[in-house]
């Protein structure tokens, strides 16, 4: 699993995870999800 994140202590945290298998011919990705960010008021 590849995991990136932003962590602001006592405020919020965001993690973006991607589950992959590394094969001789490249990555096989199992968790394709949209990565758009939506702003809410």
C-alpha atoms as a PDB file:
ATOM      1  CA  UNK A   1       0.000   0.000   0.000  1.00  0.00           C
ATOM      2  CA  UNK A   2       1.232   3.466  -0.875  1.00  0.00           C
ATOM      3  CA  UNK A   3      -0.042   6.090   1.530  1.00  0.00           C
ATOM      4  CA  UNK A   4       0.444   9.835   1.467  1.00  0.00           C
ATOM      5  CA  UNK A   5      -1.059  12.227   3.925  1.00  0.00           C
ATOM      6  CA  UNK A   6      -1.307  15.639   5.490  1.00  0.00           C
ATOM      7  CA  UNK A   7      -1.514  15.786   9.272  1.00  0.00           C
ATOM      8  CA  UNK A   8      -2.092  19.069  11.122  1.00  0.00           C
ATOM      9  CA  UNK A   9      -1.994  18.424  14.849  1.00  0.00           C
ATOM     10  CA  UNK A  10      -5.288  19.158  16.653  1.00  0.00           C
ATOM     11  CA  UNK A  11      -6.902  20.292  13.374  1.00  0.00           C
ATOM     12  CA  UNK A  12      -7.351  17.553  10.763  1.00  0.00           C
ATOM     13  CA  UNK A  13      -5.721  14.775   8.770  1.00  0.00           C
ATOM     14  CA  UNK A  14      -6.108  13.558   5.187  1.00  0.00           C
ATOM     15  CA  UNK A  15      -4.762  10.296   3.798  1.00  0.00           C
ATOM     16  CA  UNK A  16      -4.722   9.199   0.176  1.00  0.00           C
ATOM     17  CA  UNK A  17      -4.173   5.467  -0.143  1.00  0.00           C
ATOM     18  CA  UNK A  18      -3.482   3.348  -3.177  1.00  0.00           C
ATOM     19  CA  UNK A  19      -3.273  -0.456  -3.032  1.00  0.00           C
ATOM     20  CA  UNK A  20      -0.800  -1.858  -5.587  1.00  0.00           C
ATOM     21  CA  UNK A  21       1.139  -4.983  -6.491  1.00  0.00           C
ATOM     22  CA  UNK A  22       4.621  -4.487  -7.931  1.00  0.00           C
ATOM     23  CA  UNK A  23       5.125  -6.842 -10.860  1.00  0.00           C
ATOM     24  CA  UNK A  24       8.116  -7.299 -13.184  1.00  0.00           C
ATOM     25  CA  UNK A  25       6.305  -5.322 -15.911  1.00  0.00           C
ATOM     26  CA  UNK A  26       5.031  -2.518 -13.645  1.00  0.00           C
ATOM     27  CA  UNK A  27       2.387  -1.740 -11.032  1.00  0.00           C
ATOM     28  CA  UNK A  28      -1.041  -3.344 -10.851  1.00  0.00           C
ATOM     29  CA  UNK A  29      -3.354  -0.851  -9.157  1.00  0.00           C
ATOM     30  CA  UNK A  30      -6.340  -2.168  -7.176  1.00  0.00           C
ATOM     31  CA  UNK A  31      -7.793   1.010  -5.694  1.00  0.00           C
ATOM     32  CA  UNK A  32      -8.521   3.479  -8.474  1.00  0.00           C
ATOM     33  CA  UNK A  33     -10.595   6.292  -7.008  1.00  0.00           C
ATOM     34  CA  UNK A  34     -11.134   9.906  -8.060  1.00  0.00           C
ATOM     35  CA  UNK A  35      -8.684  12.347  -6.429  1.00  0.00           C
ATOM     36  CA  UNK A  36     -10.569  15.595  -7.007  1.00  0.00           C
ATOM     37  CA  UNK A  37     -10.716  18.045  -4.140  1.00  0.00           C
ATOM     38  CA  UNK A  38     -14.006  19.786  -3.448  1.00  0.00           C
ATOM     39  CA  UNK A  39     -14.171  22.978  -1.423  1.00  0.00           C
ATOM     40  CA  UNK A  40     -17.131  23.346   0.931  1.00  0.00           C
ATOM     41  CA  UNK A  41     -18.234  26.526   2.661  1.00  0.00           C
END
